[in-house]
Amino acid sequence: MKVVADYDKCCAAGQCAILAPDVFDQDEDDGIVQVLDPEPPARLHDAVLQAVTACPGSALKALR
């Protein structure tokens, strides 16, 4: 799985960082998503998919 973020769509809600903190964080200044692990291990895939689904700005994609 590869994780991709569209930073222009990010509304800084933080759901990704809550649901998958090993993969996502937020910038301290503006809250925009930061992808910590663009190719997370299989054990994190479910959390990543939950974060992608929960993203209110549709800023995240998980490519297989």
N, C-alpha and C. Protein backbone atom coordinates (compact mmCIF):
# COMPACT_ATOMS: atom_id res chain seq x y z
N MET A 1 0.84 -1.18 0.00
CA MET A 1 0.00 0.00 0.00
C MET A 1 0.89 1.24 0.00
N LYS A 2 0.45 2.22 -0.78
CA LYS A 2 1.13 3.52 -0.80
C LYS A 2 0.12 4.58 -0.39
N VAL A 3 0.52 5.46 0.49
CA VAL A 3 -0.35 6.52 0.99
C VAL A 3 0.01 7.83 0.30
N VAL A 4 -1.02 8.51 -0.21
CA VAL A 4 -0.83 9.77 -0.91
C VAL A 4 -1.75 10.81 -0.28
N ALA A 5 -1.22 12.01 -0.06
CA ALA A 5 -2.02 13.11 0.50
C ALA A 5 -2.05 14.27 -0.47
N ASP A 6 -3.23 14.85 -0.66
CA ASP A 6 -3.39 16.07 -1.44
C ASP A 6 -3.47 17.22 -0.43
N TYR A 7 -2.37 17.89 -0.23
CA TYR A 7 -2.26 18.90 0.82
C TYR A 7 -3.21 20.08 0.58
N ASP A 8 -3.56 20.34 -0.66
CA ASP A 8 -4.48 21.43 -0.97
C ASP A 8 -5.91 21.12 -0.52
N LYS A 9 -6.25 19.84 -0.43
CA LYS A 9 -7.60 19.44 0.00
C LYS A 9 -7.71 19.29 1.52
N CYS A 10 -6.58 19.20 2.20
CA CYS A 10 -6.59 18.96 3.64
C CYS A 10 -7.22 20.13 4.38
N CYS A 11 -8.20 19.83 5.24
CA CYS A 11 -8.87 20.87 6.03
C CYS A 11 -8.41 20.84 7.49
N ALA A 12 -7.37 20.09 7.79
CA ALA A 12 -6.72 20.06 9.10
C ALA A 12 -7.64 19.57 10.21
N ALA A 13 -8.53 18.64 9.91
CA ALA A 13 -9.45 18.10 10.92
C ALA A 13 -8.74 17.16 11.88
N GLY A 14 -7.68 16.48 11.43
CA GLY A 14 -6.88 15.64 12.30
C GLY A 14 -7.36 14.22 12.49
N GLN A 15 -8.40 13.82 11.78
CA GLN A 15 -8.90 12.46 11.92
C GLN A 15 -7.84 11.44 11.55
N CYS A 16 -7.05 11.73 10.55
CA CYS A 16 -6.01 10.80 10.12
C CYS A 16 -4.99 10.55 11.22
N ALA A 17 -4.57 11.62 11.88
CA ALA A 17 -3.57 11.49 12.94
C ALA A 17 -4.12 10.75 14.15
N ILE A 18 -5.42 10.87 14.38
CA ILE A 18 -6.06 10.16 15.49
C ILE A 18 -6.19 8.67 15.17
N LEU A 19 -6.61 8.36 13.95
CA LEU A 19 -6.88 6.98 13.57
C LEU A 19 -5.63 6.18 13.21
N ALA A 20 -4.63 6.84 12.67
CA ALA A 20 -3.40 6.14 12.25
C ALA A 20 -2.17 7.00 12.60
N PRO A 21 -1.88 7.15 13.89
CA PRO A 21 -0.79 8.04 14.30
C PRO A 21 0.61 7.58 13.88
N ASP A 22 0.76 6.32 13.52
CA ASP A 22 2.06 5.85 13.03
C ASP A 22 2.30 6.24 11.58
N VAL A 23 1.22 6.65 10.91
CA VAL A 23 1.32 6.98 9.48
C VAL A 23 1.12 8.48 9.23
N PHE A 24 0.26 9.11 10.02
CA PHE A 24 -0.08 10.52 9.80
C PHE A 24 0.19 11.37 11.03
N ASP A 25 0.53 12.62 10.78
CA ASP A 25 0.64 13.63 11.82
C ASP A 25 0.12 14.93 11.22
N GLN A 26 0.13 15.98 12.02
CA GLN A 26 -0.31 17.28 11.54
C GLN A 26 0.81 18.29 11.76
N ASP A 27 0.94 19.22 10.83
CA ASP A 27 1.89 20.30 10.94
C ASP A 27 1.53 21.16 12.16
N GLU A 28 2.50 21.51 12.95
CA GLU A 28 2.24 22.29 14.16
C GLU A 28 1.71 23.69 13.86
N ASP A 29 2.08 24.25 12.72
CA ASP A 29 1.67 25.62 12.40
C ASP A 29 0.27 25.72 11.82
N ASP A 30 -0.04 24.87 10.83
CA ASP A 30 -1.32 25.01 10.15
C ASP A 30 -2.23 23.79 10.24
N GLY A 31 -1.74 22.71 10.85
CA GLY A 31 -2.56 21.51 11.03
C GLY A 31 -2.69 20.63 9.81
N ILE A 32 -2.04 20.98 8.72
CA ILE A 32 -2.11 20.20 7.48
C ILE A 32 -1.44 18.84 7.70
N VAL A 33 -2.02 17.84 7.08
CA VAL A 33 -1.54 16.46 7.22
C VAL A 33 -0.08 16.34 6.83
N GLN A 34 0.62 15.49 7.55
CA GLN A 34 1.97 15.07 7.22
C GLN A 34 1.95 13.55 7.13
N VAL A 35 2.46 13.01 6.05
CA VAL A 35 2.54 11.56 5.91
C VAL A 35 3.89 11.13 6.47
N LEU A 36 3.83 10.40 7.56
CA LEU A 36 5.05 9.94 8.22
C LEU A 36 5.62 8.69 7.57
N ASP A 37 4.73 7.85 7.05
CA ASP A 37 5.15 6.58 6.45
C ASP A 37 4.34 6.36 5.17
N PRO A 38 4.88 6.74 4.01
CA PRO A 38 4.13 6.63 2.76
C PRO A 38 3.90 5.20 2.29
N GLU A 39 4.62 4.24 2.86
CA GLU A 39 4.42 2.83 2.54
C GLU A 39 4.37 2.03 3.84
N PRO A 40 3.26 2.17 4.57
CA PRO A 40 3.16 1.53 5.88
C PRO A 40 3.10 0.01 5.79
N PRO A 41 3.53 -0.67 6.86
CA PRO A 41 3.46 -2.13 6.88
C PRO A 41 2.02 -2.62 6.92
N ALA A 42 1.83 -3.87 6.57
CA ALA A 42 0.49 -4.47 6.47
C ALA A 42 -0.30 -4.34 7.77
N ARG A 43 0.35 -4.37 8.90
CA ARG A 43 -0.37 -4.29 10.18
C ARG A 43 -1.08 -2.95 10.37
N LEU A 44 -0.70 -1.93 9.59
CA LEU A 44 -1.32 -0.61 9.70
C LEU A 44 -2.34 -0.32 8.60
N HIS A 45 -2.51 -1.23 7.67
CA HIS A 45 -3.39 -0.97 6.53
C HIS A 45 -4.84 -0.69 6.94
N ASP A 46 -5.37 -1.43 7.89
CA ASP A 46 -6.75 -1.19 8.31
C ASP A 46 -6.91 0.22 8.88
N ALA A 47 -5.97 0.66 9.70
CA ALA A 47 -6.03 2.00 10.28
C ALA A 47 -5.92 3.06 9.19
N VAL A 48 -5.06 2.83 8.21
CA VAL A 48 -4.92 3.78 7.10
C VAL A 48 -6.23 3.88 6.32
N LEU A 49 -6.84 2.76 6.03
CA LEU A 49 -8.11 2.77 5.29
C LEU A 49 -9.21 3.49 6.08
N GLN A 50 -9.22 3.32 7.39
CA GLN A 50 -10.18 4.05 8.22
C GLN A 50 -9.92 5.55 8.15
N ALA A 51 -8.65 5.94 8.18
CA ALA A 51 -8.29 7.36 8.09
C ALA A 51 -8.68 7.95 6.74
N VAL A 52 -8.45 7.20 5.68
CA VAL A 52 -8.83 7.66 4.34
C VAL A 52 -10.33 7.88 4.26
N THR A 53 -11.09 6.95 4.79
CA THR A 53 -12.55 7.04 4.77
C THR A 53 -13.05 8.20 5.63
N ALA A 54 -12.40 8.44 6.76
CA ALA A 54 -12.84 9.46 7.70
C ALA A 54 -12.43 10.88 7.32
N CYS A 55 -11.53 11.02 6.38
CA CYS A 55 -11.01 12.34 6.01
C CYS A 55 -12.13 13.22 5.43
N PRO A 56 -12.51 14.30 6.11
CA PRO A 56 -13.60 15.14 5.63
C PRO A 56 -13.27 15.91 4.35
N GLY A 57 -12.00 16.11 4.08
CA GLY A 57 -11.60 16.83 2.87
C GLY A 57 -11.27 15.94 1.69
N SER A 58 -11.40 14.62 1.89
CA SER A 58 -11.02 13.65 0.86
C SER A 58 -9.61 13.89 0.35
N ALA A 59 -8.72 14.20 1.29
CA ALA A 59 -7.35 14.55 0.93
C ALA A 59 -6.42 13.34 0.88
N LEU A 60 -6.89 12.18 1.31
CA LEU A 60 -6.03 11.01 1.40
C LEU A 60 -6.44 9.90 0.44
N LYS A 61 -5.44 9.18 -0.05
CA LYS A 61 -5.68 8.00 -0.88
C LYS A 61 -4.74 6.90 -0.43
N ALA A 62 -5.24 5.67 -0.50
CA ALA A 62 -4.41 4.50 -0.24
C ALA A 62 -4.42 3.67 -1.51
N LEU A 63 -3.27 3.60 -2.15
CA LEU A 63 -3.14 2.89 -3.42
C LEU A 63 -2.54 1.53 -3.16
N ARG A 64 -3.13 0.54 -3.81
CA ARG A 64 -2.62 -0.83 -3.64
C ARG A 64 -1.89 -1.28 -4.87
